[in-house]
């Protein structure tokens, strides 16, 4: 198996498979593949996690289906394109401290056989940035290699034992399983009411590595809400105003 990331701002992961080799992803991640690749989608494919894993993903609002891609008879290639400007990178997963991970709900792109994907954390943070599904982290463990997709620029921190960092939950991209994670409230009543950053922060305590993303999809979508809700009336008003201006200009031009 050979994998490479192609592109810069909107990268694509291309995974070249030898006959019999397999990678899996959540359903809907495929971008393109060669004719020799066989695709199998089911609730048990890849790191499906059995009936318990299916139930947990359904409760968390995630995809209950997983897709496996196998090179059948001859080498092949399968590709996964980034959904946002950002970065795709691999992590090696193993059953030992520091080599299992927690990622934001859309962070896992694909993985090799032996990697398990499940829900590691879920908490409702109100109807704000994360909507009705709340804040969700995926657990990535087992044995193999996984590829992670994070949005925007990636900032990494190596936290020492006991060192604590507080982060807007949307910026949490990935962290090692040795990092202690929790949700805390923004300190101070004025900060809660007037701070404009929401009531909650993620608290990460070392030891371990943390990957933060600068442009999470949830925050971008939330920022666009005001334009989407008022966009229809603004556009209609602009068209109506333009039409009225053109009509008046025509009448004045004819001396009426």
C-alpha atoms as a PDB file:
ATOM      1  CA  UNK A   1       0.000   0.000   0.000  1.00  0.00           C
ATOM      2  CA  UNK A   2       1.245   3.441  -0.932  1.00  0.00           C
ATOM      3  CA  UNK A   3      -0.518   6.689  -0.073  1.00  0.00           C
ATOM      4  CA  UNK A   4       0.222  10.246  -1.131  1.00  0.00           C
ATOM      5  CA  UNK A   5      -1.425  13.610  -0.630  1.00  0.00           C
ATOM      6  CA  UNK A   6      -1.817  15.598  -3.860  1.00  0.00           C
ATOM      7  CA  UNK A   7      -2.503  19.322  -4.003  1.00  0.00           C
ATOM      8  CA  UNK A   8      -2.098  22.180  -1.569  1.00  0.00           C
ATOM      9  CA  UNK A   9      -5.090  24.151  -0.283  1.00  0.00           C
ATOM     10  CA  UNK A  10      -7.720  21.552  -1.251  1.00  0.00           C
ATOM     11  CA  UNK A  11      -5.719  18.310  -0.957  1.00  0.00           C
ATOM     12  CA  UNK A  12      -6.637  14.849  -2.218  1.00  0.00           C
ATOM     13  CA  UNK A  13      -5.502  11.594  -0.625  1.00  0.00           C
ATOM     14  CA  UNK A  14      -4.678   8.925  -3.214  1.00  0.00           C
ATOM     15  CA  UNK A  15      -4.226   5.395  -1.844  1.00  0.00           C
ATOM     16  CA  UNK A  16      -2.594   2.860  -4.197  1.00  0.00           C
ATOM     17  CA  UNK A  17      -3.561  -0.699  -3.275  1.00  0.00           C
ATOM     18  CA  UNK A  18      -1.930  -3.980  -4.219  1.00  0.00           C
ATOM     19  CA  UNK A  19      -4.218  -6.955  -4.932  1.00  0.00           C
ATOM     20  CA  UNK A  20      -6.124  -7.914  -1.791  1.00  0.00           C
ATOM     21  CA  UNK A  21      -5.305  -4.746   0.161  1.00  0.00           C
ATOM     22  CA  UNK A  22      -8.194  -2.840   1.752  1.00  0.00           C
ATOM     23  CA  UNK A  23      -8.964   0.614   3.109  1.00  0.00           C
ATOM     24  CA  UNK A  24     -12.264   1.768   4.567  1.00  0.00           C
ATOM     25  CA  UNK A  25     -14.063   5.037   5.204  1.00  0.00           C
ATOM     26  CA  UNK A  26     -17.423   6.281   6.338  1.00  0.00           C
ATOM     27  CA  UNK A  27     -19.967   6.253   3.522  1.00  0.00           C
ATOM     28  CA  UNK A  28     -19.930   9.332   1.299  1.00  0.00           C
ATOM     29  CA  UNK A  29     -16.174   9.966   1.470  1.00  0.00           C
ATOM     30  CA  UNK A  30     -15.225   8.453  -1.920  1.00  0.00           C
ATOM     31  CA  UNK A  31     -14.053  10.869  -4.641  1.00  0.00           C
ATOM     32  CA  UNK A  32     -12.855   8.501  -7.394  1.00  0.00           C
ATOM     33  CA  UNK A  33     -11.327   5.053  -7.921  1.00  0.00           C
ATOM     34  CA  UNK A  34      -9.890   2.869 -10.683  1.00  0.00           C
ATOM     35  CA  UNK A  35     -11.825   0.015 -12.277  1.00  0.00           C
ATOM     36  CA  UNK A  36      -9.996  -2.690 -10.298  1.00  0.00           C
ATOM     37  CA  UNK A  37     -11.285  -1.383  -6.962  1.00  0.00           C
ATOM     38  CA  UNK A  38     -14.277  -3.222  -5.516  1.00  0.00           C
ATOM     39  CA  UNK A  39     -16.469  -1.220  -3.150  1.00  0.00           C
ATOM     40  CA  UNK A  40     -18.555  -2.834  -0.410  1.00  0.00           C
ATOM     41  CA  UNK A  41     -20.831  -0.732   1.800  1.00  0.00           C
ATOM     42  CA  UNK A  42     -22.496  -2.145   4.905  1.00  0.00           C
ATOM     43  CA  UNK A  43     -22.961  -1.516   8.599  1.00  0.00           C
ATOM     44  CA  UNK A  44     -20.200  -4.030   9.374  1.00  0.00           C
ATOM     45  CA  UNK A  45     -17.559  -3.021   6.790  1.00  0.00           C
ATOM     46  CA  UNK A  46     -14.117  -1.836   7.855  1.00  0.00           C
ATOM     47  CA  UNK A  47     -14.117  -0.614  11.434  1.00  0.00           C
ATOM     48  CA  UNK A  48     -17.864  -0.910  11.774  1.00  0.00           C
ATOM     49  CA  UNK A  49     -17.612  -1.983  15.392  1.00  0.00           C
ATOM     50  CA  UNK A  50     -20.474  -4.506  15.249  1.00  0.00           C
ATOM     51  CA  UNK A  51     -24.051  -3.822  16.329  1.00  0.00           C
ATOM     52  CA  UNK A  52     -22.896  -1.711  19.272  1.00  0.00           C
ATOM     53  CA  UNK A  53     -20.831   0.522  16.989  1.00  0.00           C
ATOM     54  CA  UNK A  54     -23.765   0.941  14.593  1.00  0.00           C
ATOM     55  CA  UNK A  55     -26.063   1.926  17.465  1.00  0.00           C
ATOM     56  CA  UNK A  56     -23.596   4.461  18.877  1.00  0.00           C
ATOM     57  CA  UNK A  57     -23.074   6.113  15.475  1.00  0.00           C
ATOM     58  CA  UNK A  58     -26.824   6.314  14.893  1.00  0.00           C
ATOM     59  CA  UNK A  59     -27.470   7.883  18.306  1.00  0.00           C
ATOM     60  CA  UNK A  60     -24.706  10.427  17.663  1.00  0.00           C
ATOM     61  CA  UNK A  61     -26.200  11.422  14.307  1.00  0.00           C
ATOM     62  CA  UNK A  62     -23.328   9.942  12.282  1.00  0.00           C
ATOM     63  CA  UNK A  63     -23.324   7.566   9.332  1.00  0.00           C
ATOM     64  CA  UNK A  64     -24.254   3.981  10.218  1.00  0.00           C
ATOM     65  CA  UNK A  65     -22.682   2.700   6.991  1.00  0.00           C
ATOM     66  CA  UNK A  66     -19.004   2.076   6.283  1.00  0.00           C
ATOM     67  CA  UNK A  67     -17.433   1.453   2.873  1.00  0.00           C
ATOM     68  CA  UNK A  68     -14.525  -0.899   2.105  1.00  0.00           C
ATOM     69  CA  UNK A  69     -12.371  -0.522  -1.009  1.00  0.00           C
ATOM     70  CA  UNK A  70     -10.446  -3.618  -2.131  1.00  0.00           C
ATOM     71  CA  UNK A  71      -8.018  -4.043  -5.034  1.00  0.00           C
ATOM     72  CA  UNK A  72      -9.384  -7.125  -6.789  1.00  0.00           C
ATOM     73  CA  UNK A  73      -6.981  -9.121  -8.965  1.00  0.00           C
ATOM     74  CA  UNK A  74      -4.691  -6.244  -9.870  1.00  0.00           C
ATOM     75  CA  UNK A  75      -3.392  -2.988  -8.334  1.00  0.00           C
ATOM     76  CA  UNK A  76      -5.771  -0.071  -8.067  1.00  0.00           C
ATOM     77  CA  UNK A  77      -6.220   3.380  -6.581  1.00  0.00           C
ATOM     78  CA  UNK A  78      -8.927   5.054  -4.516  1.00  0.00           C
ATOM     79  CA  UNK A  79      -9.019   8.793  -3.767  1.00  0.00           C
ATOM     80  CA  UNK A  80     -10.591  10.933  -1.054  1.00  0.00           C
ATOM     81  CA  UNK A  81     -10.780  14.704  -1.596  1.00  0.00           C
ATOM     82  CA  UNK A  82     -10.872  17.287   1.189  1.00  0.00           C
ATOM     83  CA  UNK A  83     -14.255  18.927   1.732  1.00  0.00           C
ATOM     84  CA  UNK A  84     -12.723  22.189   2.994  1.00  0.00           C
ATOM     85  CA  UNK A  85      -9.421  24.005   2.544  1.00  0.00           C
ATOM     86  CA  UNK A  86      -7.084  22.272   4.972  1.00  0.00           C
ATOM     87  CA  UNK A  87      -4.716  19.365   5.482  1.00  0.00           C
ATOM     88  CA  UNK A  88      -4.755  15.567   5.218  1.00  0.00           C
ATOM     89  CA  UNK A  89      -2.155  13.597   7.193  1.00  0.00           C
ATOM     90  CA  UNK A  90      -1.625  10.032   8.508  1.00  0.00           C
ATOM     91  CA  UNK A  91      -1.386   8.745  12.069  1.00  0.00           C
ATOM     92  CA  UNK A  92      -0.233   5.285  13.120  1.00  0.00           C
ATOM     93  CA  UNK A  93      -2.674   3.573  15.453  1.00  0.00           C
ATOM     94  CA  UNK A  94      -1.694   0.875  17.957  1.00  0.00           C
ATOM     95  CA  UNK A  95      -2.988  -0.584  21.257  1.00  0.00           C
ATOM     96  CA  UNK A  96      -0.610   1.342  23.475  1.00  0.00           C
ATOM     97  CA  UNK A  97      -0.743   4.711  25.261  1.00  0.00           C
ATOM     98  CA  UNK A  98      -0.410   7.679  22.946  1.00  0.00           C
ATOM     99  CA  UNK A  99      -1.259   5.727  19.785  1.00  0.00           C
ATOM    100  CA  UNK A 100      -5.039   5.889  19.973  1.00  0.00           C
ATOM    101  CA  UNK A 101      -6.760   9.160  19.167  1.00  0.00           C
ATOM    102  CA  UNK A 102      -9.842  11.291  19.530  1.00  0.00           C
ATOM    103  CA  UNK A 103     -10.848  13.380  16.495  1.00  0.00           C
ATOM    104  CA  UNK A 104     -13.635  15.847  15.768  1.00  0.00           C
ATOM    105  CA  UNK A 105     -16.704  14.222  14.223  1.00  0.00           C
ATOM    106  CA  UNK A 106     -15.577  14.671  10.586  1.00  0.00           C
ATOM    107  CA  UNK A 107     -11.845  14.212  11.207  1.00  0.00           C
ATOM    108  CA  UNK A 108     -11.481  10.552  10.205  1.00  0.00           C
ATOM    109  CA  UNK A 109     -11.040  10.259   6.438  1.00  0.00           C
ATOM    110  CA  UNK A 110     -10.088   6.590   5.937  1.00  0.00           C
ATOM    111  CA  UNK A 111      -8.084   3.792   7.505  1.00  0.00           C
ATOM    112  CA  UNK A 112      -6.565   0.356   6.990  1.00  0.00           C
ATOM    113  CA  UNK A 113      -8.010  -2.899   8.246  1.00  0.00           C
ATOM    114  CA  UNK A 114      -7.509  -3.226  11.980  1.00  0.00           C
ATOM    115  CA  UNK A 115      -8.368   0.404  12.720  1.00  0.00           C
ATOM    116  CA  UNK A 116     -11.589   0.843  14.688  1.00  0.00           C
ATOM    117  CA  UNK A 117     -13.821   3.904  14.522  1.00  0.00           C
ATOM    118  CA  UNK A 118     -16.422   4.749  17.145  1.00  0.00           C
ATOM    119  CA  UNK A 119     -17.980   7.550  19.154  1.00  0.00           C
ATOM    120  CA  UNK A 120     -15.702   8.635  21.970  1.00  0.00           C
ATOM    121  CA  UNK A 121     -17.503  11.685  23.362  1.00  0.00           C
ATOM    122  CA  UNK A 122     -20.833  13.423  22.885  1.00  0.00           C
ATOM    123  CA  UNK A 123     -22.324  16.337  24.785  1.00  0.00           C
ATOM    124  CA  UNK A 124     -25.068  18.811  24.008  1.00  0.00           C
ATOM    125  CA  UNK A 125     -23.789  22.389  24.047  1.00  0.00           C
ATOM    126  CA  UNK A 126     -27.126  24.025  23.275  1.00  0.00           C
ATOM    127  CA  UNK A 127     -28.458  25.014  19.877  1.00  0.00           C
ATOM    128  CA  UNK A 128     -25.514  27.253  18.961  1.00  0.00           C
ATOM    129  CA  UNK A 129     -22.641  26.342  16.683  1.00  0.00           C
ATOM    130  CA  UNK A 130     -23.141  22.560  16.847  1.00  0.00           C
ATOM    131  CA  UNK A 131     -26.926  22.472  16.440  1.00  0.00           C
ATOM    132  CA  UNK A 132     -29.066  19.610  17.721  1.00  0.00           C
ATOM    133  CA  UNK A 133     -26.347  16.943  17.421  1.00  0.00           C
ATOM    134  CA  UNK A 134     -24.159  18.545  20.066  1.00  0.00           C
ATOM    135  CA  UNK A 135     -20.384  18.279  20.247  1.00  0.00           C
ATOM    136  CA  UNK A 136     -19.070  14.886  19.090  1.00  0.00           C
ATOM    137  CA  UNK A 137     -15.619  13.289  19.088  1.00  0.00           C
ATOM    138  CA  UNK A 138     -14.695  10.100  17.213  1.00  0.00           C
ATOM    139  CA  UNK A 139     -12.511   7.472  18.863  1.00  0.00           C
ATOM    140  CA  UNK A 140      -9.822   5.979  16.582  1.00  0.00           C
ATOM    141  CA  UNK A 141      -8.097   2.887  17.977  1.00  0.00           C
ATOM    142  CA  UNK A 142      -7.004  -0.627  17.059  1.00  0.00           C
ATOM    143  CA  UNK A 143      -3.968  -1.423  14.910  1.00  0.00           C
ATOM    144  CA  UNK A 144      -3.087   0.159  11.555  1.00  0.00           C
ATOM    145  CA  UNK A 145      -2.928   3.542   9.874  1.00  0.00           C
ATOM    146  CA  UNK A 146      -5.611   6.240   9.700  1.00  0.00           C
ATOM    147  CA  UNK A 147      -5.745   9.428   7.656  1.00  0.00           C
ATOM    148  CA  UNK A 148      -7.113  12.589   9.237  1.00  0.00           C
ATOM    149  CA  UNK A 149      -8.652  15.628   7.545  1.00  0.00           C
ATOM    150  CA  UNK A 150      -8.566  18.953   9.407  1.00  0.00           C
ATOM    151  CA  UNK A 151      -9.811  22.334   8.158  1.00  0.00           C
ATOM    152  CA  UNK A 152      -7.755  25.482   7.728  1.00  0.00           C
ATOM    153  CA  UNK A 153      -4.288  25.689   9.229  1.00  0.00           C
ATOM    154  CA  UNK A 154      -3.165  23.110  11.793  1.00  0.00           C
ATOM    155  CA  UNK A 155      -1.501  24.189  15.020  1.00  0.00           C
ATOM    156  CA  UNK A 156       0.055  21.464  17.192  1.00  0.00           C
ATOM    157  CA  UNK A 157       0.863  21.607  20.896  1.00  0.00           C
ATOM    158  CA  UNK A 158       2.799  19.059  22.931  1.00  0.00           C
ATOM    159  CA  UNK A 159       1.321  19.380  26.409  1.00  0.00           C
ATOM    160  CA  UNK A 160       3.428  18.404  29.390  1.00  0.00           C
ATOM    161  CA  UNK A 161       1.915  16.391  32.227  1.00  0.00           C
ATOM    162  CA  UNK A 162      -0.622  18.595  34.000  1.00  0.00           C
ATOM    163  CA  UNK A 163      -0.381  21.387  31.407  1.00  0.00           C
ATOM    164  CA  UNK A 164      -3.876  22.627  30.483  1.00  0.00           C
ATOM    165  CA  UNK A 165      -5.192  24.362  27.394  1.00  0.00           C
ATOM    166  CA  UNK A 166      -8.726  25.721  26.936  1.00  0.00           C
ATOM    167  CA  UNK A 167     -10.051  25.802  23.373  1.00  0.00           C
ATOM    168  CA  UNK A 168     -13.267  26.698  21.608  1.00  0.00           C
ATOM    169  CA  UNK A 169     -14.711  23.207  20.970  1.00  0.00           C
ATOM    170  CA  UNK A 170     -14.916  23.744  17.213  1.00  0.00           C
ATOM    171  CA  UNK A 171     -11.155  24.185  16.957  1.00  0.00           C
ATOM    172  CA  UNK A 172     -10.393  20.796  18.527  1.00  0.00           C
ATOM    173  CA  UNK A 173      -9.127  18.653  15.655  1.00  0.00           C
ATOM    174  CA  UNK A 174      -7.303  15.643  17.083  1.00  0.00           C
ATOM    175  CA  UNK A 175      -5.506  14.590  20.269  1.00  0.00           C
ATOM    176  CA  UNK A 176      -3.749  11.550  21.672  1.00  0.00           C
ATOM    177  CA  UNK A 177      -5.581   9.300  24.107  1.00  0.00           C
ATOM    178  CA  UNK A 178      -3.175  10.287  26.897  1.00  0.00           C
ATOM    179  CA  UNK A 179      -4.698  13.785  26.891  1.00  0.00           C
ATOM    180  CA  UNK A 180      -7.478  14.274  29.432  1.00  0.00           C
ATOM    181  CA  UNK A 181     -10.512  15.924  27.843  1.00  0.00           C
ATOM    182  CA  UNK A 182     -13.520  17.693  29.313  1.00  0.00           C
ATOM    183  CA  UNK A 183     -15.995  20.510  28.740  1.00  0.00           C
ATOM    184  CA  UNK A 184     -15.955  23.549  30.999  1.00  0.00           C
ATOM    185  CA  UNK A 185     -17.897  26.808  31.023  1.00  0.00           C
ATOM    186  CA  UNK A 186     -16.476  30.208  30.160  1.00  0.00           C
ATOM    187  CA  UNK A 187     -15.501  31.898  33.464  1.00  0.00           C
ATOM    188  CA  UNK A 188     -17.363  35.035  34.548  1.00  0.00           C
ATOM    189  CA  UNK A 189     -20.971  36.053  33.945  1.00  0.00           C
ATOM    190  CA  UNK A 190     -19.960  39.016  31.756  1.00  0.00           C
ATOM    191  CA  UNK A 191     -17.860  36.770  29.555  1.00  0.00           C
ATOM    192  CA  UNK A 192     -20.802  34.377  29.188  1.00  0.00           C
ATOM    193  CA  UNK A 193     -23.285  37.082  28.232  1.00  0.00           C
ATOM    194  CA  UNK A 194     -21.165  39.580  26.322  1.00  0.00           C
ATOM    195  CA  UNK A 195     -18.079  37.603  25.242  1.00  0.00           C
ATOM    196  CA  UNK A 196     -19.639  36.377  22.002  1.00  0.00           C
ATOM    197  CA  UNK A 197     -17.725  33.069  22.144  1.00  0.00           C
ATOM    198  CA  UNK A 198     -20.428  30.843  23.633  1.00  0.00           C
ATOM    199  CA  UNK A 199     -20.720  29.399  27.113  1.00  0.00           C
ATOM    200  CA  UNK A 200     -18.436  26.385  26.734  1.00  0.00           C
ATOM    201  CA  UNK A 201     -14.759  25.627  26.232  1.00  0.00           C
ATOM    202  CA  UNK A 202     -12.954  22.339  25.711  1.00  0.00           C
ATOM    203  CA  UNK A 203     -10.310  21.668  28.350  1.00  0.00           C
ATOM    204  CA  UNK A 204      -7.323  19.540  27.334  1.00  0.00           C
ATOM    205  CA  UNK A 205      -4.766  18.453  29.937  1.00  0.00           C
ATOM    206  CA  UNK A 206      -1.434  16.804  29.133  1.00  0.00           C
ATOM    207  CA  UNK A 207       0.567  14.785  28.625  1.00  0.00           C
ATOM    208  CA  UNK A 208       0.114  14.358  24.904  1.00  0.00           C
ATOM    209  CA  UNK A 209      -0.104  16.019  21.510  1.00  0.00           C
ATOM    210  CA  UNK A 210      -3.036  18.161  20.400  1.00  0.00           C
ATOM    211  CA  UNK A 211      -3.836  19.189  16.820  1.00  0.00           C
ATOM    212  CA  UNK A 212      -6.031  22.315  16.529  1.00  0.00           C
ATOM    213  CA  UNK A 213      -7.745  23.473  13.320  1.00  0.00           C
ATOM    214  CA  UNK A 214      -8.134  27.147  12.447  1.00  0.00           C
ATOM    215  CA  UNK A 215     -11.303  26.965  10.297  1.00  0.00           C
ATOM    216  CA  UNK A 216     -13.729  24.309  11.539  1.00  0.00           C
ATOM    217  CA  UNK A 217     -16.737  23.605   9.340  1.00  0.00           C
ATOM    218  CA  UNK A 218     -19.195  24.068  12.219  1.00  0.00           C
ATOM    219  CA  UNK A 219     -18.013  27.622  12.954  1.00  0.00           C
ATOM    220  CA  UNK A 220     -17.896  28.543   9.254  1.00  0.00           C
ATOM    221  CA  UNK A 221     -21.479  27.323   8.760  1.00  0.00           C
ATOM    222  CA  UNK A 222     -22.617  29.206  11.861  1.00  0.00           C
ATOM    223  CA  UNK A 223     -20.974  32.403  10.594  1.00  0.00           C
ATOM    224  CA  UNK A 224     -22.819  32.114   7.267  1.00  0.00           C
ATOM    225  CA  UNK A 225     -26.248  31.730   8.892  1.00  0.00           C
ATOM    226  CA  UNK A 226     -26.922  35.467   9.034  1.00  0.00           C
ATOM    227  CA  UNK A 227     -26.260  35.804   5.303  1.00  0.00           C
ATOM    228  CA  UNK A 228     -28.357  32.765   4.447  1.00  0.00           C
ATOM    229  CA  UNK A 229     -31.370  33.850   6.517  1.00  0.00           C
ATOM    230  CA  UNK A 230     -31.394  37.405   5.155  1.00  0.00           C
ATOM    231  CA  UNK A 231     -29.988  36.656   1.738  1.00  0.00           C
ATOM    232  CA  UNK A 232     -33.304  36.043  -0.001  1.00  0.00           C
ATOM    233  CA  UNK A 233     -34.873  39.371   0.931  1.00  0.00           C
ATOM    234  CA  UNK A 234     -31.649  41.265   0.226  1.00  0.00           C
ATOM    235  CA  UNK A 235     -31.312  39.783  -3.245  1.00  0.00           C
ATOM    236  CA  UNK A 236     -34.983  40.349  -4.041  1.00  0.00           C
ATOM    237  CA  UNK A 237     -34.733  43.923  -2.806  1.00  0.00           C
ATOM    238  CA  UNK A 238     -31.663  44.504  -4.964  1.00  0.00           C
ATOM    239  CA  UNK A 239     -33.388  43.116  -8.059  1.00  0.00           C
ATOM    240  CA  UNK A 240     -36.528  45.163  -7.422  1.00  0.00           C
ATOM    241  CA  UNK A 241     -34.485  48.318  -6.874  1.00  0.00           C
ATOM    242  CA  UNK A 242     -32.501  47.721 -10.052  1.00  0.00           C
ATOM    243  CA  UNK A 243     -35.644  47.175 -12.096  1.00  0.00           C
ATOM    244  CA  UNK A 244     -37.272  50.342 -10.710  1.00  0.00           C
ATOM    245  CA  UNK A 245     -34.107  52.351 -11.391  1.00  0.00           C
ATOM    246  CA  UNK A 246     -33.992  51.117 -14.972  1.00  0.00           C
ATOM    247  CA  UNK A 247     -37.651  51.980 -15.505  1.00  0.00           C
ATOM    248  CA  UNK A 248     -37.246  55.509 -14.121  1.00  0.00           C
ATOM    249  CA  UNK A 249     -34.113  56.046 -16.213  1.00  0.00           C
ATOM    250  CA  UNK A 250     -35.996  55.053 -19.363  1.00  0.00           C
ATOM    251  CA  UNK A 251     -38.896  57.417 -18.623  1.00  0.00           C
ATOM    252  CA  UNK A 252     -36.573  60.337 -17.917  1.00  0.00           C
ATOM    253  CA  UNK A 253     -34.642  59.635 -21.089  1.00  0.00           C
ATOM    254  CA  UNK A 254     -37.861  60.041 -23.134  1.00  0.00           C
ATOM    255  CA  UNK A 255     -38.685  63.295 -21.322  1.00  0.00           C
ATOM    256  CA  UNK A 256     -41.657  61.855 -19.354  1.00  0.00           C
END
